Amino acid sequence: MRMRKKKNLIPRMERCAACQVKDGFALKGRWRETLMSGAREMRVELGCGKGRFTAENARQEPDVLFIAIEKVPDALVVAMERAMTLELKNVFFVVGDAALLQDYFVPVEVDRI
């Protein structure tokens, strides 16, 4: 399904800056220590879409760090707004391509994809 362009995309994304990782490449090997040092586990979701699944899992497991990667900003902004509305502190979003996964994470860094 094709995602419609979201009005005011940039300002909406800026309002969600607390849960957005601008440069996922810079955090390679340091995701947990940078975002949630006490995380029991780190999970990556590839193609989170509008974030319903991600947000619900993050809500149910507040001690797990969730990293959601989505390459369509118009979908990602909806996911970020959902996380902000739920006041989730354990989920972060990256505008990126799953094909670059090895560039975002070191091999033993992620517990579950």
N, C-alpha and C. Protein backbone atom coordinates (compact mmCIF):
# COMPACT_ATOMS: atom_id res chain seq x y z
N MET A 1 0.84 -1.18 0.00
CA MET A 1 0.00 0.00 0.00
C MET A 1 0.89 1.25 0.00
N ARG A 2 0.53 2.20 -0.79
CA ARG A 2 1.28 3.45 -0.88
C ARG A 2 0.88 4.38 0.26
N MET A 3 1.87 4.96 0.91
CA MET A 3 1.63 5.88 2.02
C MET A 3 1.40 7.28 1.48
N ARG A 4 0.35 7.93 1.94
CA ARG A 4 0.08 9.31 1.54
C ARG A 4 1.09 10.24 2.20
N LYS A 5 1.41 11.32 1.52
CA LYS A 5 2.30 12.34 2.07
C LYS A 5 1.62 12.99 3.27
N LYS A 6 2.36 13.15 4.34
CA LYS A 6 1.82 13.76 5.56
C LYS A 6 2.04 15.27 5.51
N LYS A 7 1.01 16.00 5.88
CA LYS A 7 1.12 17.45 5.95
C LYS A 7 2.04 17.80 7.12
N ASN A 8 2.82 18.84 6.93
CA ASN A 8 3.71 19.33 7.98
C ASN A 8 4.67 18.25 8.49
N LEU A 9 5.17 17.42 7.60
CA LEU A 9 6.04 16.31 7.98
C LEU A 9 7.24 16.75 8.81
N ILE A 10 7.97 17.74 8.34
CA ILE A 10 9.19 18.16 9.04
C ILE A 10 8.89 18.69 10.44
N PRO A 11 7.94 19.61 10.62
CA PRO A 11 7.64 20.07 11.99
C PRO A 11 7.15 18.93 12.90
N ARG A 12 6.39 18.02 12.34
CA ARG A 12 5.90 16.89 13.13
C ARG A 12 7.06 16.01 13.58
N MET A 13 8.01 15.76 12.68
CA MET A 13 9.17 14.95 13.04
C MET A 13 10.03 15.68 14.08
N GLU A 14 10.16 16.97 13.95
CA GLU A 14 10.94 17.75 14.91
C GLU A 14 10.32 17.69 16.31
N ARG A 15 8.99 17.64 16.39
CA ARG A 15 8.33 17.53 17.69
C ARG A 15 8.59 16.17 18.35
N CYS A 16 9.00 15.20 17.56
CA CYS A 16 9.27 13.85 18.06
C CYS A 16 10.77 13.59 18.21
N ALA A 17 11.56 14.64 18.23
CA ALA A 17 13.02 14.50 18.26
C ALA A 17 13.51 13.65 19.43
N ALA A 18 12.78 13.61 20.54
CA ALA A 18 13.21 12.84 21.70
C ALA A 18 13.27 11.35 21.43
N CYS A 19 12.54 10.88 20.45
CA CYS A 19 12.54 9.44 20.17
C CYS A 19 13.10 9.11 18.79
N GLN A 20 13.73 10.10 18.15
CA GLN A 20 14.31 9.85 16.83
C GLN A 20 15.84 9.88 16.92
N VAL A 21 16.45 8.90 16.29
CA VAL A 21 17.90 8.86 16.16
C VAL A 21 18.24 9.42 14.79
N LYS A 22 18.91 10.55 14.77
CA LYS A 22 19.23 11.22 13.50
C LYS A 22 20.31 10.48 12.71
N ASP A 23 21.31 9.93 13.42
CA ASP A 23 22.41 9.24 12.74
C ASP A 23 22.66 7.89 13.39
N GLY A 24 21.98 6.88 12.89
CA GLY A 24 22.13 5.53 13.43
C GLY A 24 23.52 4.96 13.23
N PHE A 25 24.21 5.40 12.20
CA PHE A 25 25.57 4.90 11.94
C PHE A 25 26.52 5.31 13.07
N ALA A 26 26.30 6.48 13.64
CA ALA A 26 27.18 7.00 14.70
C ALA A 26 27.05 6.20 15.99
N LEU A 27 25.94 5.49 16.16
CA LEU A 27 25.72 4.73 17.40
C LEU A 27 26.17 3.27 17.31
N LYS A 28 26.72 2.88 16.19
CA LYS A 28 27.16 1.49 16.00
C LYS A 28 28.05 1.05 17.16
N GLY A 29 27.61 0.00 17.84
CA GLY A 29 28.33 -0.54 18.98
C GLY A 29 28.06 0.17 20.30
N ARG A 30 27.24 1.22 20.29
CA ARG A 30 26.98 2.01 21.50
C ARG A 30 25.51 2.34 21.73
N TRP A 31 24.61 1.61 21.09
CA TRP A 31 23.19 1.91 21.19
C TRP A 31 22.69 1.87 22.64
N ARG A 32 22.96 0.76 23.32
CA ARG A 32 22.46 0.61 24.69
C ARG A 32 23.03 1.66 25.62
N GLU A 33 24.33 1.83 25.61
CA GLU A 33 24.95 2.78 26.53
C GLU A 33 24.50 4.21 26.26
N THR A 34 24.16 4.52 25.03
CA THR A 34 23.73 5.87 24.67
C THR A 34 22.25 6.12 24.96
N LEU A 35 21.40 5.13 24.67
CA LEU A 35 19.96 5.36 24.75
C LEU A 35 19.28 4.79 26.00
N MET A 36 19.77 3.65 26.49
CA MET A 36 19.09 3.01 27.63
C MET A 36 20.05 1.99 28.26
N SER A 37 20.95 2.49 29.08
CA SER A 37 22.03 1.64 29.60
C SER A 37 21.53 0.46 30.43
N GLY A 38 20.39 0.58 31.04
CA GLY A 38 19.87 -0.51 31.88
C GLY A 38 19.00 -1.51 31.15
N ALA A 39 18.99 -1.46 29.83
CA ALA A 39 18.11 -2.34 29.05
C ALA A 39 18.50 -3.81 29.23
N ARG A 40 17.51 -4.62 29.48
CA ARG A 40 17.69 -6.07 29.61
C ARG A 40 18.03 -6.70 28.27
N GLU A 41 17.53 -6.09 27.20
CA GLU A 41 17.67 -6.64 25.86
C GLU A 41 17.51 -5.51 24.86
N MET A 42 18.06 -5.69 23.66
CA MET A 42 17.85 -4.73 22.59
C MET A 42 17.26 -5.46 21.39
N ARG A 43 16.14 -4.94 20.91
CA ARG A 43 15.46 -5.54 19.77
C ARG A 43 15.34 -4.51 18.65
N VAL A 44 15.46 -5.00 17.43
CA VAL A 44 15.36 -4.14 16.25
C VAL A 44 14.17 -4.60 15.42
N GLU A 45 13.35 -3.64 15.05
CA GLU A 45 12.24 -3.94 14.15
C GLU A 45 12.53 -3.29 12.81
N LEU A 46 12.49 -4.08 11.78
CA LEU A 46 12.76 -3.60 10.42
C LEU A 46 11.44 -3.33 9.71
N GLY A 47 11.25 -2.11 9.26
CA GLY A 47 10.01 -1.75 8.59
C GLY A 47 8.87 -1.62 9.57
N CYS A 48 8.97 -0.69 10.50
CA CYS A 48 7.97 -0.57 11.57
C CYS A 48 6.66 0.04 11.10
N GLY A 49 6.64 0.62 9.91
CA GLY A 49 5.40 1.22 9.42
C GLY A 49 4.91 2.31 10.36
N LYS A 50 3.63 2.26 10.70
CA LYS A 50 3.02 3.27 11.58
C LYS A 50 3.25 2.99 13.06
N GLY A 51 3.95 1.92 13.38
CA GLY A 51 4.42 1.68 14.73
C GLY A 51 3.48 1.05 15.73
N ARG A 52 2.36 0.54 15.31
CA ARG A 52 1.42 -0.05 16.26
C ARG A 52 2.05 -1.24 17.00
N PHE A 53 2.66 -2.15 16.26
CA PHE A 53 3.30 -3.33 16.86
C PHE A 53 4.47 -2.92 17.77
N THR A 54 5.29 -2.00 17.28
CA THR A 54 6.44 -1.53 18.05
C THR A 54 6.01 -0.89 19.36
N ALA A 55 5.06 0.01 19.28
CA ALA A 55 4.61 0.74 20.47
C ALA A 55 3.99 -0.21 21.50
N GLU A 56 3.21 -1.15 21.05
CA GLU A 56 2.58 -2.08 21.99
C GLU A 56 3.62 -2.96 22.68
N ASN A 57 4.59 -3.43 21.93
CA ASN A 57 5.65 -4.23 22.54
C ASN A 57 6.49 -3.41 23.51
N ALA A 58 6.80 -2.19 23.15
CA ALA A 58 7.57 -1.31 24.03
C ALA A 58 6.79 -1.00 25.30
N ARG A 59 5.49 -0.82 25.17
CA ARG A 59 4.65 -0.57 26.35
C ARG A 59 4.63 -1.76 27.29
N GLN A 60 4.57 -2.97 26.73
CA GLN A 60 4.49 -4.18 27.54
C GLN A 60 5.83 -4.55 28.18
N GLU A 61 6.94 -4.14 27.57
CA GLU A 61 8.26 -4.50 28.08
C GLU A 61 9.14 -3.25 28.24
N PRO A 62 8.90 -2.46 29.28
CA PRO A 62 9.62 -1.20 29.46
C PRO A 62 11.11 -1.36 29.75
N ASP A 63 11.56 -2.57 30.06
CA ASP A 63 12.98 -2.79 30.33
C ASP A 63 13.75 -3.26 29.10
N VAL A 64 13.09 -3.27 27.94
CA VAL A 64 13.71 -3.67 26.67
C VAL A 64 13.84 -2.42 25.79
N LEU A 65 15.01 -2.25 25.18
CA LEU A 65 15.25 -1.16 24.24
C LEU A 65 14.82 -1.60 22.85
N PHE A 66 13.92 -0.84 22.24
CA PHE A 66 13.43 -1.12 20.90
C PHE A 66 13.97 -0.07 19.93
N ILE A 67 14.54 -0.54 18.83
CA ILE A 67 14.99 0.33 17.76
C ILE A 67 14.16 -0.02 16.53
N ALA A 68 13.42 0.94 16.02
CA ALA A 68 12.56 0.71 14.86
C ALA A 68 13.14 1.44 13.66
N ILE A 69 13.35 0.70 12.58
CA ILE A 69 13.91 1.27 11.37
C ILE A 69 12.84 1.26 10.28
N GLU A 70 12.64 2.42 9.68
CA GLU A 70 11.64 2.57 8.61
C GLU A 70 12.19 3.54 7.59
N LYS A 71 12.07 3.20 6.31
CA LYS A 71 12.63 4.09 5.29
C LYS A 71 11.63 5.10 4.74
N VAL A 72 10.38 5.00 5.12
CA VAL A 72 9.35 5.94 4.64
C VAL A 72 9.04 6.94 5.76
N PRO A 73 9.55 8.16 5.66
CA PRO A 73 9.33 9.15 6.72
C PRO A 73 7.86 9.41 7.03
N ASP A 74 6.99 9.33 6.02
CA ASP A 74 5.56 9.58 6.23
C ASP A 74 4.92 8.53 7.14
N ALA A 75 5.44 7.31 7.11
CA ALA A 75 4.96 6.27 8.03
C ALA A 75 5.63 6.43 9.38
N LEU A 76 6.92 6.74 9.35
CA LEU A 76 7.69 6.84 10.58
C LEU A 76 7.16 7.93 11.51
N VAL A 77 6.73 9.04 10.96
CA VAL A 77 6.23 10.12 11.80
C VAL A 77 5.00 9.68 12.59
N VAL A 78 4.17 8.86 11.99
CA VAL A 78 2.99 8.35 12.69
C VAL A 78 3.44 7.44 13.85
N ALA A 79 4.43 6.61 13.60
CA ALA A 79 4.96 5.72 14.64
C ALA A 79 5.57 6.52 15.79
N MET A 80 6.33 7.56 15.45
CA MET A 80 6.95 8.39 16.49
C MET A 80 5.89 9.13 17.31
N GLU A 81 4.88 9.64 16.65
CA GLU A 81 3.81 10.34 17.38
C GLU A 81 3.08 9.37 18.31
N ARG A 82 2.90 8.15 17.87
CA ARG A 82 2.26 7.13 18.71
C ARG A 82 3.09 6.89 19.97
N ALA A 83 4.39 6.74 19.81
CA ALA A 83 5.29 6.50 20.95
C ALA A 83 5.30 7.71 21.90
N MET A 84 5.29 8.90 21.33
CA MET A 84 5.28 10.11 22.16
C MET A 84 3.97 10.23 22.94
N THR A 85 2.86 9.92 22.31
CA THR A 85 1.56 9.98 22.97
C THR A 85 1.51 9.01 24.15
N LEU A 86 2.10 7.83 23.97
CA LEU A 86 2.14 6.82 25.04
C LEU A 86 3.26 7.07 26.05
N GLU A 87 4.05 8.12 25.81
CA GLU A 87 5.17 8.49 26.69
C GLU A 87 6.16 7.35 26.88
N LEU A 88 6.44 6.64 25.80
CA LEU A 88 7.39 5.52 25.85
C LEU A 88 8.81 6.06 25.86
N LYS A 89 9.63 5.53 26.75
CA LYS A 89 11.02 5.98 26.89
C LYS A 89 12.00 4.92 26.40
N ASN A 90 11.49 3.80 25.91
CA ASN A 90 12.34 2.68 25.52
C ASN A 90 12.28 2.33 24.04
N VAL A 91 11.74 3.23 23.24
CA VAL A 91 11.67 2.98 21.80
C VAL A 91 12.20 4.20 21.05
N PHE A 92 13.06 3.91 20.06
CA PHE A 92 13.69 4.95 19.26
C PHE A 92 13.56 4.60 17.79
N PHE A 93 13.48 5.61 16.95
CA PHE A 93 13.19 5.43 15.54
C PHE A 93 14.31 5.98 14.67
N VAL A 94 14.57 5.26 13.57
CA VAL A 94 15.60 5.64 12.62
C VAL A 94 14.98 5.65 11.22
N VAL A 95 15.16 6.76 10.51
CA VAL A 95 14.79 6.77 9.10
C VAL A 95 15.97 6.12 8.38
N GLY A 96 15.74 4.92 7.87
CA GLY A 96 16.85 4.20 7.25
C GLY A 96 16.39 2.98 6.49
N ASP A 97 17.35 2.30 5.90
CA ASP A 97 17.09 1.14 5.07
C ASP A 97 17.60 -0.11 5.77
N ALA A 98 16.77 -1.12 5.85
CA ALA A 98 17.15 -2.39 6.50
C ALA A 98 18.33 -3.06 5.80
N ALA A 99 18.55 -2.73 4.53
CA ALA A 99 19.68 -3.31 3.80
C ALA A 99 21.01 -2.86 4.39
N LEU A 100 21.00 -1.80 5.19
CA LEU A 100 22.22 -1.28 5.80
C LEU A 100 22.38 -1.73 7.25
N LEU A 101 21.68 -2.75 7.64
CA LEU A 101 21.68 -3.22 9.03
C LEU A 101 23.08 -3.41 9.59
N GLN A 102 23.98 -4.01 8.82
CA GLN A 102 25.34 -4.26 9.30
C GLN A 102 26.11 -2.96 9.52
N ASP A 103 25.64 -1.86 8.95
CA ASP A 103 26.29 -0.57 9.15
C ASP A 103 25.77 0.15 10.40
N TYR A 104 24.63 -0.28 10.91
CA TYR A 104 24.04 0.31 12.11
C TYR A 104 24.50 -0.40 13.39
N PHE A 105 24.71 -1.70 13.32
CA PHE A 105 24.96 -2.50 14.52
C PHE A 105 26.18 -3.41 14.35
N VAL A 106 26.88 -3.66 15.47
CA VAL A 106 27.94 -4.66 15.45
C VAL A 106 27.26 -6.02 15.62
N PRO A 107 27.91 -7.12 15.20
CA PRO A 107 27.26 -8.44 15.17
C PRO A 107 26.59 -8.90 16.47
N VAL A 108 27.15 -8.66 17.62
CA VAL A 108 26.58 -9.19 18.87
C VAL A 108 25.74 -8.16 19.63
N GLU A 109 25.48 -7.03 19.03
CA GLU A 109 24.79 -5.95 19.72
C GLU A 109 23.29 -6.16 19.87
N VAL A 110 22.67 -6.77 18.89
CA VAL A 110 21.20 -6.92 18.87
C VAL A 110 20.82 -8.29 19.39
N ASP A 111 19.86 -8.31 20.32
CA ASP A 111 19.39 -9.58 20.87
C ASP A 111 18.33 -10.23 20.00
N ARG A 112 17.51 -9.42 19.36
CA ARG A 112 16.42 -9.98 18.55
C ARG A 112 16.06 -9.01 17.44
N ILE A 113 15.80 -9.57 16.25
CA ILE A 113 15.34 -8.76 15.12
C ILE A 113 13.93 -9.21 14.78
